[in-house]
Structure formats: C-alpha cells, structure tokens
Amino acid sequence: MINERILTFSRKLLLCALARQDYSSARDTFGAMSDATKNEPMTRFLMYKVAIRSEDAEFAADCLQVIASSPKDPTLLYACVLDAQQVGNRPLALATLQLVVEKQGAFESHGAASSTLHLPSLLRITISLTSQDLDGSNYPEGSPEAEANVEKLCRFFEGGMSLFPFVGKANSGSGS
C-alpha cells in the first residue's frame, strides 16, 4: 500500500516537472525511484516524454524498450508514437511505429495479436513513412544505414503479404 502511494506520488512529481518543462527535476525524481518503480511502463512513458523533449535519443530508446517489453496492451506504445509526432521528432515517431508493428507480432501471428489494432492500416502507414524516410535520408546508397532501412521496408512488405494469403495463391496459380 505504501509502495503504491510512493509510486503515485513519484509519477505526479514527474508530471509536474513535465508541465513546468523542468527536465532536470524530472530526471532527479526518476533517479530517486526504486528500480521496480523505474521499470514500470507508465513511469518509463513519462520519462520517454522527458527524454524526447530534452533530446536524449538514447534514453528515449531505452524507455521504449522497457515499454515494449510490457506484456500489457500496446496503448503506451501508441501514446509514444503520438507524443513523438507532437514534439516534431519524425524519426523517433517512425522508429516507435516500427516497434509497434514488431511488438504486435505482425509477422509471427499474422495480425492476431491485438483485436484493437487494424494491422493493414498500421503497416501501410509504417511502409509509407519508412519509404519517405529512405527517400529523404542523407545516407548514401549502399551505406549500412540505408541498407538497414531497405531491409526494414522489405520486412514490412513481407509482413503485409502474409496478411493476405490469397495473393500468393492467385499469383502461383496463374500459369505464367
């Protein structure tokens, strides 16, 4: 009961620091928390907000990994995508969106992971943004970064194709 109150109080302190744009205070509050409290998905979501506003991409990625490892529904990951978009951090929004697709098991369970998710729409948006990111990137063709983006794009297309098994049957039965 006391731990629950401390957790709630700590999160309220984080919210206040966020509202005041006092990111140093938020980090101090986070640093004073127990490890269990630090690794709560909601706590990490609040710290993700702090990280992207203070332009700490490494800590934002760490927070995303903790949030993504939560067995609960993907609502906090969706909130991370929206928050990155609101802040104007398109690369982080895209990376988070890609994480949502991967977290949903789009390629293992063929979209059966979440009834709240319309996987074809999510894949379409992710493919579109990944393609735009690849087109507008400063990475030269053939660089490791460009190759990684192409590989991601291919995985998303393959995942999309696995959602529509009739496409493969129609193409294989055409006799051409």
Protein backbone atom coordinates (compact mmCIF):
# COMPACT_ATOMS: atom_id res chain seq x y z
CA MET A 1 0.00 0.00 0.00
CA ILE A 2 2.81 2.41 0.90
CA ASN A 3 4.76 1.46 -2.26
CA GLU A 4 1.65 2.19 -4.34
CA ARG A 5 1.37 5.65 -2.77
CA ILE A 6 5.06 6.35 -3.35
CA LEU A 7 4.69 5.24 -6.97
CA THR A 8 1.68 7.51 -7.48
CA PHE A 9 3.39 10.44 -5.77
CA SER A 10 6.57 9.97 -7.81
CA ARG A 11 4.63 9.92 -11.06
CA LYS A 12 2.79 13.08 -10.06
CA LEU A 13 6.15 14.73 -9.45
CA LEU A 14 7.21 13.66 -12.95
CA LEU A 15 4.01 15.10 -14.42
CA CYS A 16 4.58 18.40 -12.61
CA ALA A 17 8.16 18.59 -13.84
CA LEU A 18 6.98 17.89 -17.39
CA ALA A 19 4.34 20.61 -17.16
CA ARG A 20 6.99 23.07 -15.96
CA GLN A 21 9.43 21.84 -18.62
CA ASP A 22 11.88 21.19 -15.79
CA TYR A 23 13.52 18.10 -17.24
CA SER A 24 16.43 18.15 -14.80
CA SER A 25 13.99 17.89 -11.90
CA ALA A 26 12.20 15.03 -13.65
CA ARG A 27 15.49 13.17 -14.04
CA ASP A 28 16.29 13.76 -10.37
CA THR A 29 12.90 12.37 -9.37
CA PHE A 30 13.43 9.36 -11.64
CA GLY A 31 16.90 8.79 -10.18
CA ALA A 32 15.48 8.68 -6.65
CA MET A 33 12.95 5.97 -7.53
CA SER A 34 13.41 2.30 -6.75
CA ASP A 35 14.39 0.05 -9.65
CA ALA A 36 10.95 -1.57 -9.66
CA THR A 37 9.27 1.83 -9.91
CA LYS A 38 11.69 2.96 -12.62
CA ASN A 39 10.78 -0.07 -14.73
CA GLU A 40 7.02 0.39 -14.55
CA PRO A 41 5.75 1.04 -18.09
CA MET A 42 3.85 4.20 -17.10
CA THR A 43 6.93 5.63 -15.35
CA ARG A 44 9.01 4.91 -18.45
CA PHE A 45 6.36 6.54 -20.64
CA LEU A 46 6.65 9.74 -18.60
CA MET A 47 10.43 9.57 -18.81
CA TYR A 48 10.17 8.94 -22.56
CA LYS A 49 8.34 12.25 -22.78
CA VAL A 50 11.13 13.89 -20.79
CA ALA A 51 13.81 12.26 -22.96
CA ILE A 52 12.41 13.39 -26.30
CA ARG A 53 11.82 16.91 -25.03
CA SER A 54 15.39 17.11 -23.76
CA GLU A 55 16.65 15.48 -26.99
CA ASP A 56 18.13 12.43 -25.29
CA ALA A 57 17.55 9.84 -28.02
CA GLU A 58 19.46 7.08 -26.22
CA PHE A 59 17.35 7.35 -23.05
CA ALA A 60 14.16 7.60 -25.16
CA ALA A 61 15.12 4.35 -26.90
CA ASP A 62 15.81 2.72 -23.52
CA CYS A 63 12.38 3.80 -22.28
CA LEU A 64 10.76 2.42 -25.43
CA GLN A 65 12.38 -0.96 -24.90
CA VAL A 66 11.04 -1.16 -21.35
CA ILE A 67 7.56 -0.11 -22.51
CA ALA A 68 7.64 -2.58 -25.41
CA SER A 69 8.66 -5.45 -23.12
CA SER A 70 5.49 -4.99 -21.08
CA PRO A 71 3.03 -7.82 -21.69
CA LYS A 72 0.10 -5.40 -21.42
CA ASP A 73 -1.74 -3.86 -24.33
CA PRO A 74 0.19 -1.57 -26.69
CA THR A 75 -1.60 1.63 -25.65
CA LEU A 76 1.54 3.20 -24.20
CA LEU A 77 3.47 2.48 -27.40
CA TYR A 78 0.74 4.23 -29.40
CA ALA A 79 0.99 7.15 -26.99
CA CYS A 80 4.76 7.25 -27.60
CA VAL A 81 4.18 7.48 -31.37
CA LEU A 82 1.73 10.35 -30.89
CA ASP A 83 3.99 12.15 -28.45
CA ALA A 84 6.97 11.95 -30.80
CA GLN A 85 4.78 13.35 -33.58
CA GLN A 86 3.54 16.18 -31.36
CA VAL A 87 7.10 17.13 -30.46
CA GLY A 88 8.02 17.01 -34.15
CA ASN A 89 10.51 14.17 -33.88
CA ARG A 90 9.57 12.26 -37.02
CA PRO A 91 12.47 9.76 -36.95
CA LEU A 92 11.59 8.73 -33.39
CA ALA A 93 7.89 8.55 -34.28
CA LEU A 94 8.76 6.23 -37.16
CA ALA A 95 11.06 4.08 -35.02
CA THR A 96 8.30 3.79 -32.42
CA LEU A 97 5.72 2.94 -35.06
CA GLN A 98 8.03 0.22 -36.37
CA LEU A 99 8.36 -1.09 -32.83
CA VAL A 100 4.56 -1.19 -32.51
CA VAL A 101 4.35 -3.31 -35.67
CA GLU A 102 7.06 -5.66 -34.43
CA LYS A 103 5.56 -5.83 -30.93
CA GLN A 104 2.21 -6.83 -32.35
CA GLY A 105 3.79 -9.90 -33.86
CA ALA A 106 2.63 -8.93 -37.31
CA PHE A 107 4.97 -11.40 -38.90
CA GLU A 108 4.63 -14.30 -36.48
CA SER A 109 0.92 -14.39 -35.75
CA HIS A 110 -0.36 -12.76 -38.95
CA GLY A 111 -2.08 -9.97 -37.10
CA ALA A 112 -3.86 -11.97 -34.46
CA ALA A 113 -2.00 -10.28 -31.60
CA SER A 114 -4.44 -7.47 -30.98
CA SER A 115 -8.11 -7.01 -31.70
CA THR A 116 -7.72 -3.24 -31.20
CA LEU A 117 -5.19 -2.95 -34.00
CA HIS A 118 -6.01 -2.73 -37.69
CA LEU A 119 -2.75 -4.19 -38.87
CA PRO A 120 -3.12 -3.46 -42.61
CA SER A 121 -3.56 0.25 -41.86
CA LEU A 122 -0.65 0.24 -39.45
CA LEU A 123 1.58 -1.49 -41.99
CA ARG A 124 0.50 0.91 -44.76
CA ILE A 125 1.40 3.94 -42.63
CA THR A 126 4.67 2.39 -41.47
CA ILE A 127 5.68 1.44 -45.03
CA SER A 128 4.81 4.91 -46.29
CA LEU A 129 6.80 6.69 -43.58
CA THR A 130 9.74 4.30 -43.91
CA SER A 131 9.79 4.85 -47.66
CA GLN A 132 9.65 8.64 -47.22
CA ASP A 133 12.42 8.42 -44.65
CA LEU A 134 14.54 6.39 -47.07
CA ASP A 135 13.88 8.81 -49.93
CA GLY A 136 14.73 11.85 -47.81
CA SER A 137 17.67 10.39 -45.93
CA ASN A 138 21.17 11.74 -46.17
CA TYR A 139 22.64 8.24 -46.19
CA PRO A 140 24.36 7.32 -49.44
CA GLU A 141 23.01 4.35 -51.34
CA GLY A 142 24.70 1.17 -50.13
CA SER A 143 25.60 2.58 -46.70
CA PRO A 144 24.82 0.38 -43.68
CA GLU A 145 22.09 2.80 -42.56
CA ALA A 146 20.41 2.84 -45.98
CA GLU A 147 20.66 -0.95 -46.21
CA ALA A 148 19.06 -1.30 -42.75
CA ASN A 149 16.15 0.90 -43.83
CA VAL A 150 15.68 -1.09 -47.04
CA GLU A 151 15.74 -4.31 -45.00
CA LYS A 152 13.05 -2.92 -42.66
CA LEU A 153 10.95 -1.87 -45.62
CA CYS A 154 11.21 -5.36 -47.13
CA ARG A 155 10.20 -6.94 -43.81
CA PHE A 156 7.13 -4.72 -43.64
CA PHE A 157 6.12 -5.61 -47.20
CA GLU A 158 6.63 -9.30 -46.47
CA GLY A 159 4.58 -8.95 -43.31
CA GLY A 160 1.83 -7.24 -45.27
CA MET A 161 1.84 -10.02 -47.85
CA SER A 162 1.48 -12.64 -45.12
CA LEU A 163 -1.79 -10.98 -44.10
CA PHE A 164 -3.26 -11.75 -47.49
CA PRO A 165 -2.61 -15.42 -48.26
CA PHE A 166 -4.92 -15.36 -51.28
CA VAL A 167 -2.45 -13.10 -53.14
CA GLY A 168 0.24 -15.78 -53.13
CA LYS A 169 -2.27 -18.43 -54.31
CA ALA A 170 -3.53 -16.23 -57.13
CA ASN A 171 -0.01 -15.49 -58.35
CA SER A 172 1.15 -19.11 -58.16
CA GLY A 173 -1.92 -20.41 -59.97
CA SER A 174 -1.74 -18.01 -62.90
CA GLY A 175 0.41 -20.35 -65.01
CA SER A 176 2.53 -17.52 -66.40
